[in-house]
């Protein structure tokens, strides 16, 4: 209903050139997302960016209604930011060194019957979606999401782990806090440190802070981590089915990803070689003949399908979903 309203209202704006209706949309959007700007210059700039995105959403959703796309866009909390800003501030995944990547191993999954669909949310292996804010900490959320699933399988209890712990404490392992980091080096920290605190004990702050890990708050640990074969969606499917949620890298550079609202995301020009964002594969399935990955993001529940995206599967490694996949072992 929300998207249809946006389409119809935006269409009326385009056809009727109603600045008052557009102004009303702007005010309502700011209120909904708690937007406050420092000065008039920023207000003017943000309004211009937002208005451009209104028309981007309109055009795309009209095409979706005409059957050209299987997904819709929406005016989420990122709609006043340019694609360049989002990629700089939110997409903080650092690319792994190829030699390090090749040293990884994956357990052979042949001989196992792989289910047609998997959704680890239904088994309680997936913690609530959080919003990383204007901090390039996606690598911390992604890595800990996979670890949370393994801890749940081991203990029977799902305990959200602390991305802030990784942001603040893993710089000596090669991570850079809000300026980005590596999934593998997040696990290296947890192994070296002997554990990671819970989110409740060490809450997220959307910024770099002083390291204050305490063994009293320890809620997760791992002994090693496993890399999956590069670009192999079949191997990723087998491991997601048998092991649990898997941390992956994707190309999240496109405005269509930033403004994704719902549906099956299939953008042929989403280059699998340009990965810049870490997310969590929590399942997979098929919708009306179209295979998809079920992916948890860390941009809050106002983004996508309450924080999740269904990304086209078996489409030549779309967006690089299987280019770099890794999971921890306890």
C-alpha atoms as a PDB file:
ATOM      1  CA  UNK A   1       0.000   0.000   0.000  1.00  0.00           C
ATOM      2  CA  UNK A   2       2.816   2.395   0.896  1.00  0.00           C
ATOM      3  CA  UNK A   3       4.537   1.986  -2.470  1.00  0.00           C
ATOM      4  CA  UNK A   4       1.290   2.323  -4.397  1.00  0.00           C
ATOM      5  CA  UNK A   5       0.561   5.562  -2.545  1.00  0.00           C
ATOM      6  CA  UNK A   6       4.020   6.857  -3.390  1.00  0.00           C
ATOM      7  CA  UNK A   7       3.542   5.955  -7.051  1.00  0.00           C
ATOM      8  CA  UNK A   8       0.119   7.569  -7.299  1.00  0.00           C
ATOM      9  CA  UNK A   9       1.042  10.663  -5.325  1.00  0.00           C
ATOM     10  CA  UNK A  10       4.305  11.120  -7.190  1.00  0.00           C
ATOM     11  CA  UNK A  11       2.504  10.638 -10.479  1.00  0.00           C
ATOM     12  CA  UNK A  12       0.060  13.382  -9.537  1.00  0.00           C
ATOM     13  CA  UNK A  13       3.011  15.625  -8.717  1.00  0.00           C
ATOM     14  CA  UNK A  14       4.631  15.034 -12.070  1.00  0.00           C
ATOM     15  CA  UNK A  15       1.397  15.506 -13.986  1.00  0.00           C
ATOM     16  CA  UNK A  16       0.074  18.395 -11.912  1.00  0.00           C
ATOM     17  CA  UNK A  17       3.356  20.084 -10.917  1.00  0.00           C
ATOM     18  CA  UNK A  18       1.970  20.454  -7.392  1.00  0.00           C
ATOM     19  CA  UNK A  19       4.721  21.957  -5.294  1.00  0.00           C
ATOM     20  CA  UNK A  20       2.445  22.086  -2.244  1.00  0.00           C
ATOM     21  CA  UNK A  21       1.851  18.316  -2.396  1.00  0.00           C
ATOM     22  CA  UNK A  22       5.585  17.748  -2.790  1.00  0.00           C
ATOM     23  CA  UNK A  23       6.250  20.039   0.168  1.00  0.00           C
ATOM     24  CA  UNK A  24       3.772  18.040   2.237  1.00  0.00           C
ATOM     25  CA  UNK A  25       5.479  14.785   1.258  1.00  0.00           C
ATOM     26  CA  UNK A  26       8.837  16.280   2.266  1.00  0.00           C
ATOM     27  CA  UNK A  27       7.572  17.408   5.678  1.00  0.00           C
ATOM     28  CA  UNK A  28       5.912  14.048   6.371  1.00  0.00           C
ATOM     29  CA  UNK A  29       9.021  12.147   5.296  1.00  0.00           C
ATOM     30  CA  UNK A  30      11.262  14.262   7.570  1.00  0.00           C
ATOM     31  CA  UNK A  31       8.934  13.691  10.508  1.00  0.00           C
ATOM     32  CA  UNK A  32       8.690   9.952   9.902  1.00  0.00           C
ATOM     33  CA  UNK A  33      12.470   9.502   9.829  1.00  0.00           C
ATOM     34  CA  UNK A  34      13.347  12.107  12.469  1.00  0.00           C
ATOM     35  CA  UNK A  35      15.362  14.281  10.109  1.00  0.00           C
ATOM     36  CA  UNK A  36      16.843  17.496  11.493  1.00  0.00           C
ATOM     37  CA  UNK A  37      19.363  19.570   9.541  1.00  0.00           C
ATOM     38  CA  UNK A  38      22.002  21.988  10.797  1.00  0.00           C
ATOM     39  CA  UNK A  39      21.379  24.972   8.548  1.00  0.00           C
ATOM     40  CA  UNK A  40      19.477  26.324   5.571  1.00  0.00           C
ATOM     41  CA  UNK A  41      22.206  25.332   3.122  1.00  0.00           C
ATOM     42  CA  UNK A  42      21.960  21.712   4.169  1.00  0.00           C
ATOM     43  CA  UNK A  43      18.158  21.835   4.092  1.00  0.00           C
ATOM     44  CA  UNK A  44      18.224  23.075   0.493  1.00  0.00           C
ATOM     45  CA  UNK A  45      20.756  20.425  -0.527  1.00  0.00           C
ATOM     46  CA  UNK A  46      18.970  17.542   1.212  1.00  0.00           C
ATOM     47  CA  UNK A  47      15.631  18.596  -0.218  1.00  0.00           C
ATOM     48  CA  UNK A  48      17.098  18.610  -3.739  1.00  0.00           C
ATOM     49  CA  UNK A  49      18.601  15.138  -3.292  1.00  0.00           C
ATOM     50  CA  UNK A  50      15.348  13.840  -1.810  1.00  0.00           C
ATOM     51  CA  UNK A  51      13.278  15.293  -4.646  1.00  0.00           C
ATOM     52  CA  UNK A  52      15.523  13.658  -7.231  1.00  0.00           C
ATOM     53  CA  UNK A  53      15.015  10.348  -5.442  1.00  0.00           C
ATOM     54  CA  UNK A  54      11.239  10.885  -5.420  1.00  0.00           C
ATOM     55  CA  UNK A  55      11.308  10.875  -9.208  1.00  0.00           C
ATOM     56  CA  UNK A  56      13.683   7.904  -9.291  1.00  0.00           C
ATOM     57  CA  UNK A  57      11.226   5.957  -7.136  1.00  0.00           C
ATOM     58  CA  UNK A  58       8.299   7.104  -9.277  1.00  0.00           C
ATOM     59  CA  UNK A  59       9.866   6.082 -12.585  1.00  0.00           C
ATOM     60  CA  UNK A  60      11.008   2.721 -11.305  1.00  0.00           C
ATOM     61  CA  UNK A  61       7.713   1.812  -9.658  1.00  0.00           C
ATOM     62  CA  UNK A  62       5.709   2.814 -12.702  1.00  0.00           C
ATOM     63  CA  UNK A  63       7.925   0.468 -14.708  1.00  0.00           C
ATOM     64  CA  UNK A  64       7.402  -2.210 -12.052  1.00  0.00           C
ATOM     65  CA  UNK A  65       3.626  -1.820 -12.395  1.00  0.00           C
ATOM     66  CA  UNK A  66       4.109  -2.296 -16.130  1.00  0.00           C
ATOM     67  CA  UNK A  67       5.967  -5.555 -15.482  1.00  0.00           C
ATOM     68  CA  UNK A  68       9.517  -4.358 -16.188  1.00  0.00           C
ATOM     69  CA  UNK A  69      10.832  -5.032 -12.667  1.00  0.00           C
ATOM     70  CA  UNK A  70      10.161  -7.622  -9.969  1.00  0.00           C
ATOM     71  CA  UNK A  71      10.919  -5.190  -7.133  1.00  0.00           C
ATOM     72  CA  UNK A  72       9.857  -1.746  -5.970  1.00  0.00           C
ATOM     73  CA  UNK A  73      11.679   1.252  -4.527  1.00  0.00           C
ATOM     74  CA  UNK A  74      10.669   3.497  -1.632  1.00  0.00           C
ATOM     75  CA  UNK A  75      11.553   6.712   0.154  1.00  0.00           C
ATOM     76  CA  UNK A  76      13.366   5.218   3.126  1.00  0.00           C
ATOM     77  CA  UNK A  77      15.628   7.025   5.608  1.00  0.00           C
ATOM     78  CA  UNK A  78      18.443   7.156   3.036  1.00  0.00           C
ATOM     79  CA  UNK A  79      16.411   9.136   0.483  1.00  0.00           C
ATOM     80  CA  UNK A  80      18.122  12.453   1.312  1.00  0.00           C
ATOM     81  CA  UNK A  81      21.583  11.040   0.622  1.00  0.00           C
ATOM     82  CA  UNK A  82      23.377  10.707  -2.695  1.00  0.00           C
ATOM     83  CA  UNK A  83      24.582   7.289  -3.852  1.00  0.00           C
ATOM     84  CA  UNK A  84      28.164   8.505  -3.412  1.00  0.00           C
ATOM     85  CA  UNK A  85      27.519   9.448   0.221  1.00  0.00           C
ATOM     86  CA  UNK A  86      25.898   6.120   1.031  1.00  0.00           C
ATOM     87  CA  UNK A  87      28.727   4.178  -0.578  1.00  0.00           C
ATOM     88  CA  UNK A  88      31.312   6.230   1.308  1.00  0.00           C
ATOM     89  CA  UNK A  89      29.667   6.220   4.745  1.00  0.00           C
ATOM     90  CA  UNK A  90      27.703   2.963   4.982  1.00  0.00           C
ATOM     91  CA  UNK A  91      29.468   0.493   2.707  1.00  0.00           C
ATOM     92  CA  UNK A  92      32.638  -0.152   4.687  1.00  0.00           C
ATOM     93  CA  UNK A  93      33.635  -3.636   3.590  1.00  0.00           C
ATOM     94  CA  UNK A  94      37.337  -3.925   2.806  1.00  0.00           C
ATOM     95  CA  UNK A  95      38.373  -6.364   0.101  1.00  0.00           C
ATOM     96  CA  UNK A  96      40.196  -9.446   1.338  1.00  0.00           C
ATOM     97  CA  UNK A  97      43.718 -10.229   0.205  1.00  0.00           C
ATOM     98  CA  UNK A  98      43.519 -12.956  -2.477  1.00  0.00           C
ATOM     99  CA  UNK A  99      46.282 -15.019  -0.834  1.00  0.00           C
ATOM    100  CA  UNK A 100      44.339 -15.026   2.435  1.00  0.00           C
ATOM    101  CA  UNK A 101      41.205 -16.008   0.594  1.00  0.00           C
ATOM    102  CA  UNK A 102      42.849 -18.979  -1.096  1.00  0.00           C
ATOM    103  CA  UNK A 103      43.996 -20.352   2.239  1.00  0.00           C
ATOM    104  CA  UNK A 104      40.411 -20.952   3.254  1.00  0.00           C
ATOM    105  CA  UNK A 105      38.691 -24.302   3.028  1.00  0.00           C
ATOM    106  CA  UNK A 106      35.129 -25.486   2.749  1.00  0.00           C
ATOM    107  CA  UNK A 107      33.683 -28.750   3.876  1.00  0.00           C
ATOM    108  CA  UNK A 108      32.501 -30.912   1.018  1.00  0.00           C
ATOM    109  CA  UNK A 109      28.713 -30.869   0.856  1.00  0.00           C
ATOM    110  CA  UNK A 110      28.227 -33.438  -1.897  1.00  0.00           C
ATOM    111  CA  UNK A 111      25.914 -36.310  -1.228  1.00  0.00           C
ATOM    112  CA  UNK A 112      23.657 -34.227   0.954  1.00  0.00           C
ATOM    113  CA  UNK A 113      20.117 -33.526  -0.182  1.00  0.00           C
ATOM    114  CA  UNK A 114      19.720 -29.754  -0.310  1.00  0.00           C
ATOM    115  CA  UNK A 115      16.250 -28.433   0.573  1.00  0.00           C
ATOM    116  CA  UNK A 116      14.358 -26.307  -1.943  1.00  0.00           C
ATOM    117  CA  UNK A 117      14.071 -23.437   0.510  1.00  0.00           C
ATOM    118  CA  UNK A 118      15.589 -22.367   3.826  1.00  0.00           C
ATOM    119  CA  UNK A 119      14.733 -19.513   6.203  1.00  0.00           C
ATOM    120  CA  UNK A 120      16.812 -19.565   9.380  1.00  0.00           C
ATOM    121  CA  UNK A 121      14.631 -16.838  10.904  1.00  0.00           C
ATOM    122  CA  UNK A 122      11.999 -19.514  11.472  1.00  0.00           C
ATOM    123  CA  UNK A 123      14.475 -21.561  13.523  1.00  0.00           C
ATOM    124  CA  UNK A 124      15.476 -18.617  15.692  1.00  0.00           C
ATOM    125  CA  UNK A 125      19.021 -18.293  14.322  1.00  0.00           C
ATOM    126  CA  UNK A 126      18.652 -14.670  13.201  1.00  0.00           C
ATOM    127  CA  UNK A 127      18.699 -11.727  15.610  1.00  0.00           C
ATOM    128  CA  UNK A 128      16.622  -8.540  15.072  1.00  0.00           C
ATOM    129  CA  UNK A 129      17.720  -6.155  12.325  1.00  0.00           C
ATOM    130  CA  UNK A 130      19.787  -3.203  13.541  1.00  0.00           C
ATOM    131  CA  UNK A 131      20.723   0.076  11.874  1.00  0.00           C
ATOM    132  CA  UNK A 132      24.458   0.669  11.557  1.00  0.00           C
ATOM    133  CA  UNK A 133      23.828   4.389  10.969  1.00  0.00           C
ATOM    134  CA  UNK A 134      26.440   6.602   9.301  1.00  0.00           C
ATOM    135  CA  UNK A 135      29.238   4.219  10.241  1.00  0.00           C
ATOM    136  CA  UNK A 136      30.935   1.790   7.866  1.00  0.00           C
ATOM    137  CA  UNK A 137      30.523  -1.118  10.266  1.00  0.00           C
ATOM    138  CA  UNK A 138      28.652  -3.525   7.985  1.00  0.00           C
ATOM    139  CA  UNK A 139      31.556  -5.988   8.298  1.00  0.00           C
ATOM    140  CA  UNK A 140      30.950  -6.243  12.059  1.00  0.00           C
ATOM    141  CA  UNK A 141      27.201  -6.860  11.718  1.00  0.00           C
ATOM    142  CA  UNK A 142      27.665  -9.430   8.956  1.00  0.00           C
ATOM    143  CA  UNK A 143      30.371 -11.457  10.702  1.00  0.00           C
ATOM    144  CA  UNK A 144      28.572 -11.497  14.034  1.00  0.00           C
ATOM    145  CA  UNK A 145      25.283 -12.437  12.383  1.00  0.00           C
ATOM    146  CA  UNK A 146      26.834 -15.684  11.212  1.00  0.00           C
ATOM    147  CA  UNK A 147      28.395 -16.261  14.637  1.00  0.00           C
ATOM    148  CA  UNK A 148      25.048 -15.651  16.384  1.00  0.00           C
ATOM    149  CA  UNK A 149      23.539 -18.470  14.334  1.00  0.00           C
ATOM    150  CA  UNK A 150      26.293 -20.895  15.291  1.00  0.00           C
ATOM    151  CA  UNK A 151      26.053 -19.938  18.969  1.00  0.00           C
ATOM    152  CA  UNK A 152      22.295 -20.516  18.867  1.00  0.00           C
ATOM    153  CA  UNK A 153      22.832 -23.984  17.391  1.00  0.00           C
ATOM    154  CA  UNK A 154      25.373 -24.768  20.129  1.00  0.00           C
ATOM    155  CA  UNK A 155      23.581 -23.299  23.166  1.00  0.00           C
ATOM    156  CA  UNK A 156      19.926 -23.252  22.139  1.00  0.00           C
ATOM    157  CA  UNK A 157      19.738 -19.526  22.948  1.00  0.00           C
ATOM    158  CA  UNK A 158      19.950 -16.644  20.462  1.00  0.00           C
ATOM    159  CA  UNK A 159      22.006 -13.819  21.955  1.00  0.00           C
ATOM    160  CA  UNK A 160      22.657 -10.725  19.790  1.00  0.00           C
ATOM    161  CA  UNK A 161      26.403 -10.012  19.760  1.00  0.00           C
ATOM    162  CA  UNK A 162      28.124  -6.624  19.903  1.00  0.00           C
ATOM    163  CA  UNK A 163      29.251  -4.978  16.645  1.00  0.00           C
ATOM    164  CA  UNK A 164      30.485  -2.064  18.759  1.00  0.00           C
ATOM    165  CA  UNK A 165      32.920  -4.445  20.457  1.00  0.00           C
ATOM    166  CA  UNK A 166      34.445  -5.174  17.046  1.00  0.00           C
ATOM    167  CA  UNK A 167      34.347  -1.528  15.921  1.00  0.00           C
ATOM    168  CA  UNK A 168      36.225  -0.407  19.047  1.00  0.00           C
ATOM    169  CA  UNK A 169      38.613  -3.288  19.669  1.00  0.00           C
ATOM    170  CA  UNK A 170      39.774  -4.973  16.452  1.00  0.00           C
ATOM    171  CA  UNK A 171      41.999  -2.292  14.918  1.00  0.00           C
ATOM    172  CA  UNK A 172      45.138  -4.282  15.746  1.00  0.00           C
ATOM    173  CA  UNK A 173      43.670  -7.127  13.673  1.00  0.00           C
ATOM    174  CA  UNK A 174      43.466  -4.837  10.635  1.00  0.00           C
ATOM    175  CA  UNK A 175      39.982  -3.341  10.915  1.00  0.00           C
ATOM    176  CA  UNK A 176      39.225   0.388  10.864  1.00  0.00           C
ATOM    177  CA  UNK A 177      36.050   0.786  12.901  1.00  0.00           C
ATOM    178  CA  UNK A 178      33.542   3.058  11.178  1.00  0.00           C
ATOM    179  CA  UNK A 179      35.993   3.504   8.306  1.00  0.00           C
ATOM    180  CA  UNK A 180      35.556  -0.124   7.315  1.00  0.00           C
ATOM    181  CA  UNK A 181      36.839  -3.599   7.985  1.00  0.00           C
ATOM    182  CA  UNK A 182      37.077  -7.245   6.985  1.00  0.00           C
ATOM    183  CA  UNK A 183      34.775 -10.137   7.799  1.00  0.00           C
ATOM    184  CA  UNK A 184      37.724 -12.502   8.247  1.00  0.00           C
ATOM    185  CA  UNK A 185      39.568 -10.057  10.526  1.00  0.00           C
ATOM    186  CA  UNK A 186      36.462  -9.714  12.657  1.00  0.00           C
ATOM    187  CA  UNK A 187      36.726 -13.460  13.307  1.00  0.00           C
ATOM    188  CA  UNK A 188      40.479 -13.132  13.821  1.00  0.00           C
ATOM    189  CA  UNK A 189      39.753 -10.691  16.646  1.00  0.00           C
ATOM    190  CA  UNK A 190      37.162 -12.965  18.272  1.00  0.00           C
ATOM    191  CA  UNK A 191      39.620 -15.888  18.134  1.00  0.00           C
ATOM    192  CA  UNK A 192      42.564 -13.842  19.445  1.00  0.00           C
ATOM    193  CA  UNK A 193      40.453 -12.180  22.128  1.00  0.00           C
ATOM    194  CA  UNK A 194      38.854 -15.406  23.259  1.00  0.00           C
ATOM    195  CA  UNK A 195      35.354 -14.091  22.696  1.00  0.00           C
ATOM    196  CA  UNK A 196      33.042 -11.170  21.960  1.00  0.00           C
ATOM    197  CA  UNK A 197      30.548  -9.406  24.209  1.00  0.00           C
ATOM    198  CA  UNK A 198      26.773  -9.370  23.848  1.00  0.00           C
ATOM    199  CA  UNK A 199      24.969  -6.399  22.321  1.00  0.00           C
ATOM    200  CA  UNK A 200      23.152  -5.888  25.616  1.00  0.00           C
ATOM    201  CA  UNK A 201      26.405  -5.683  27.583  1.00  0.00           C
ATOM    202  CA  UNK A 202      28.240  -3.582  24.956  1.00  0.00           C
ATOM    203  CA  UNK A 203      25.555  -1.632  23.037  1.00  0.00           C
ATOM    204  CA  UNK A 204      25.968  -0.114  19.586  1.00  0.00           C
ATOM    205  CA  UNK A 205      26.789   3.611  19.372  1.00  0.00           C
ATOM    206  CA  UNK A 206      26.976   4.377  15.612  1.00  0.00           C
ATOM    207  CA  UNK A 207      30.538   5.724  16.016  1.00  0.00           C
ATOM    208  CA  UNK A 208      34.070   4.738  17.002  1.00  0.00           C
ATOM    209  CA  UNK A 209      34.701   4.397  20.734  1.00  0.00           C
ATOM    210  CA  UNK A 210      37.240   3.269  23.267  1.00  0.00           C
ATOM    211  CA  UNK A 211      37.610  -0.494  23.611  1.00  0.00           C
ATOM    212  CA  UNK A 212      35.873  -1.757  26.725  1.00  0.00           C
ATOM    213  CA  UNK A 213      35.520  -5.486  26.172  1.00  0.00           C
ATOM    214  CA  UNK A 214      34.928  -7.439  29.352  1.00  0.00           C
ATOM    215  CA  UNK A 215      34.857 -11.188  29.819  1.00  0.00           C
ATOM    216  CA  UNK A 216      31.798 -10.571  32.027  1.00  0.00           C
ATOM    217  CA  UNK A 217      29.817  -9.726  28.910  1.00  0.00           C
ATOM    218  CA  UNK A 218      31.194 -12.518  26.739  1.00  0.00           C
ATOM    219  CA  UNK A 219      28.429 -14.184  24.729  1.00  0.00           C
ATOM    220  CA  UNK A 220      30.154 -15.579  21.643  1.00  0.00           C
ATOM    221  CA  UNK A 221      33.361 -17.265  20.565  1.00  0.00           C
ATOM    222  CA  UNK A 222      34.822 -19.230  17.646  1.00  0.00           C
ATOM    223  CA  UNK A 223      37.936 -21.253  16.926  1.00  0.00           C
ATOM    224  CA  UNK A 224      38.294 -20.742  13.176  1.00  0.00           C
ATOM    225  CA  UNK A 225      36.465 -19.627  10.049  1.00  0.00           C
ATOM    226  CA  UNK A 226      35.817 -21.225   6.685  1.00  0.00           C
ATOM    227  CA  UNK A 227      35.865 -19.653   3.222  1.00  0.00           C
ATOM    228  CA  UNK A 228      33.573 -20.910   0.480  1.00  0.00           C
ATOM    229  CA  UNK A 229      34.649 -21.438  -3.149  1.00  0.00           C
ATOM    230  CA  UNK A 230      34.691 -18.073  -4.874  1.00  0.00           C
ATOM    231  CA  UNK A 231      31.622 -17.325  -6.980  1.00  0.00           C
ATOM    232  CA  UNK A 232      30.027 -20.748  -6.413  1.00  0.00           C
ATOM    233  CA  UNK A 233      26.334 -20.203  -5.629  1.00  0.00           C
ATOM    234  CA  UNK A 234      25.690 -23.945  -5.390  1.00  0.00           C
ATOM    235  CA  UNK A 235      28.319 -24.287  -2.655  1.00  0.00           C
ATOM    236  CA  UNK A 236      26.854 -21.286  -0.846  1.00  0.00           C
ATOM    237  CA  UNK A 237      23.402 -22.850  -1.014  1.00  0.00           C
ATOM    238  CA  UNK A 238      24.692 -26.134   0.403  1.00  0.00           C
ATOM    239  CA  UNK A 239      26.434 -24.449   3.322  1.00  0.00           C
ATOM    240  CA  UNK A 240      23.506 -22.131   4.119  1.00  0.00           C
ATOM    241  CA  UNK A 241      21.265 -25.218   4.179  1.00  0.00           C
ATOM    242  CA  UNK A 242      23.530 -27.365   6.345  1.00  0.00           C
ATOM    243  CA  UNK A 243      25.443 -24.883   8.520  1.00  0.00           C
ATOM    244  CA  UNK A 244      23.307 -21.761   8.946  1.00  0.00           C
ATOM    245  CA  UNK A 245      23.580 -18.049   8.107  1.00  0.00           C
ATOM    246  CA  UNK A 246      26.700 -17.094   6.145  1.00  0.00           C
ATOM    247  CA  UNK A 247      28.494 -13.726   5.999  1.00  0.00           C
ATOM    248  CA  UNK A 248      28.916 -12.479   2.428  1.00  0.00           C
ATOM    249  CA  UNK A 249      30.119  -9.486   0.429  1.00  0.00           C
ATOM    250  CA  UNK A 250      27.912  -7.816  -2.178  1.00  0.00           C
ATOM    251  CA  UNK A 251      27.845  -4.908  -4.584  1.00  0.00           C
ATOM    252  CA  UNK A 252      25.587  -2.374  -2.840  1.00  0.00           C
ATOM    253  CA  UNK A 253      26.638   0.604  -4.952  1.00  0.00           C
ATOM    254  CA  UNK A 254      23.489   1.155  -6.995  1.00  0.00           C
ATOM    255  CA  UNK A 255      20.713   3.618  -6.084  1.00  0.00           C
ATOM    256  CA  UNK A 256      18.220   0.808  -6.734  1.00  0.00           C
ATOM    257  CA  UNK A 257      19.770  -1.074  -3.815  1.00  0.00           C
ATOM    258  CA  UNK A 258      19.845   1.992  -1.555  1.00  0.00           C
ATOM    259  CA  UNK A 259      16.141   2.681  -2.152  1.00  0.00           C
ATOM    260  CA  UNK A 260      15.018  -0.972  -2.346  1.00  0.00           C
ATOM    261  CA  UNK A 261      11.578  -1.443  -0.835  1.00  0.00           C
ATOM    262  CA  UNK A 262      10.495  -4.991  -1.646  1.00  0.00           C
ATOM    263  CA  UNK A 263      10.317  -7.799  -4.173  1.00  0.00           C
ATOM    264  CA  UNK A 264      12.972  -9.844  -5.920  1.00  0.00           C
ATOM    265  CA  UNK A 265      16.029  -7.694  -6.622  1.00  0.00           C
ATOM    266  CA  UNK A 266      17.397  -8.543 -10.050  1.00  0.00           C
ATOM    267  CA  UNK A 267      19.491  -5.807 -11.651  1.00  0.00           C
ATOM    268  CA  UNK A 268      21.623  -7.246 -14.485  1.00  0.00           C
ATOM    269  CA  UNK A 269      24.198  -4.445 -14.239  1.00  0.00           C
ATOM    270  CA  UNK A 270      24.975  -5.207 -10.570  1.00  0.00           C
ATOM    271  CA  UNK A 271      28.621  -6.122 -11.208  1.00  0.00           C
ATOM    272  CA  UNK A 272      29.747  -9.166  -9.160  1.00  0.00           C
ATOM    273  CA  UNK A 273      33.350  -7.929  -9.194  1.00  0.00           C
ATOM    274  CA  UNK A 274      32.578  -4.688  -7.332  1.00  0.00           C
ATOM    275  CA  UNK A 275      31.767  -5.762  -3.782  1.00  0.00           C
ATOM    276  CA  UNK A 276      31.695  -3.040  -1.122  1.00  0.00           C
ATOM    277  CA  UNK A 277      29.150  -4.089   1.521  1.00  0.00           C
ATOM    278  CA  UNK A 278      28.880  -6.976   3.989  1.00  0.00           C
ATOM    279  CA  UNK A 279      25.521  -8.653   4.658  1.00  0.00           C
ATOM    280  CA  UNK A 280      24.192 -11.977   5.945  1.00  0.00           C
ATOM    281  CA  UNK A 281      22.589 -14.744   3.880  1.00  0.00           C
ATOM    282  CA  UNK A 282      19.924 -16.248   6.153  1.00  0.00           C
ATOM    283  CA  UNK A 283      18.171 -18.448   3.607  1.00  0.00           C
ATOM    284  CA  UNK A 284      17.010 -18.895   0.044  1.00  0.00           C
ATOM    285  CA  UNK A 285      13.959 -19.911  -1.931  1.00  0.00           C
ATOM    286  CA  UNK A 286      11.989 -19.525  -5.140  1.00  0.00           C
ATOM    287  CA  UNK A 287       9.175 -17.076  -5.889  1.00  0.00           C
ATOM    288  CA  UNK A 288       7.051 -17.641  -8.996  1.00  0.00           C
ATOM    289  CA  UNK A 289       9.876 -19.510 -10.677  1.00  0.00           C
ATOM    290  CA  UNK A 290      12.561 -17.012  -9.693  1.00  0.00           C
ATOM    291  CA  UNK A 291      15.306 -18.247  -7.351  1.00  0.00           C
ATOM    292  CA  UNK A 292      16.435 -15.823  -4.659  1.00  0.00           C
ATOM    293  CA  UNK A 293      18.739 -15.405  -1.678  1.00  0.00           C
ATOM    294  CA  UNK A 294      17.207 -14.163   1.577  1.00  0.00           C
ATOM    295  CA  UNK A 295      19.620 -11.536   2.877  1.00  0.00           C
ATOM    296  CA  UNK A 296      19.713  -9.587   6.143  1.00  0.00           C
ATOM    297  CA  UNK A 297      21.060  -6.044   5.903  1.00  0.00           C
ATOM    298  CA  UNK A 298      22.135  -3.672   8.701  1.00  0.00           C
ATOM    299  CA  UNK A 299      20.339  -0.519   7.530  1.00  0.00           C
ATOM    300  CA  UNK A 300      17.365  -0.798   9.882  1.00  0.00           C
ATOM    301  CA  UNK A 301      13.825  -2.081   9.381  1.00  0.00           C
ATOM    302  CA  UNK A 302      12.769   1.003   7.373  1.00  0.00           C
ATOM    303  CA  UNK A 303      14.906  -0.357   4.519  1.00  0.00           C
ATOM    304  CA  UNK A 304      13.687  -3.161   2.248  1.00  0.00           C
ATOM    305  CA  UNK A 305      11.405  -5.899   3.525  1.00  0.00           C
ATOM    306  CA  UNK A 306      11.742  -4.932   7.204  1.00  0.00           C
ATOM    307  CA  UNK A 307      15.512  -4.931   6.864  1.00  0.00           C
ATOM    308  CA  UNK A 308      15.818  -7.873   4.460  1.00  0.00           C
ATOM    309  CA  UNK A 309      16.204  -8.194   0.701  1.00  0.00           C
ATOM    310  CA  UNK A 310      15.451 -11.046  -1.663  1.00  0.00           C
ATOM    311  CA  UNK A 311      18.303 -11.019  -4.166  1.00  0.00           C
ATOM    312  CA  UNK A 312      18.160 -13.008  -7.395  1.00  0.00           C
ATOM    313  CA  UNK A 313      19.902 -16.389  -7.102  1.00  0.00           C
ATOM    314  CA  UNK A 314      21.561 -18.419  -9.870  1.00  0.00           C
ATOM    315  CA  UNK A 315      21.942 -15.313 -12.026  1.00  0.00           C
ATOM    316  CA  UNK A 316      25.694 -15.591 -12.604  1.00  0.00           C
ATOM    317  CA  UNK A 317      26.610 -14.528  -9.075  1.00  0.00           C
ATOM    318  CA  UNK A 318      24.504 -11.360  -9.208  1.00  0.00           C
ATOM    319  CA  UNK A 319      26.009  -8.494  -7.145  1.00  0.00           C
ATOM    320  CA  UNK A 320      28.845 -10.843  -6.146  1.00  0.00           C
ATOM    321  CA  UNK A 321      26.706 -12.656  -3.554  1.00  0.00           C
ATOM    322  CA  UNK A 322      29.030 -15.692  -3.664  1.00  0.00           C
ATOM    323  CA  UNK A 323      32.285 -13.877  -4.436  1.00  0.00           C
ATOM    324  CA  UNK A 324      33.333 -13.820  -0.808  1.00  0.00           C
ATOM    325  CA  UNK A 325      31.411 -15.990   1.639  1.00  0.00           C
ATOM    326  CA  UNK A 326      32.672 -17.070   5.062  1.00  0.00           C
ATOM    327  CA  UNK A 327      31.314 -18.570   8.254  1.00  0.00           C
ATOM    328  CA  UNK A 328      32.790 -19.256  11.700  1.00  0.00           C
ATOM    329  CA  UNK A 329      33.162 -22.624  13.384  1.00  0.00           C
ATOM    330  CA  UNK A 330      33.049 -22.946  17.143  1.00  0.00           C
END
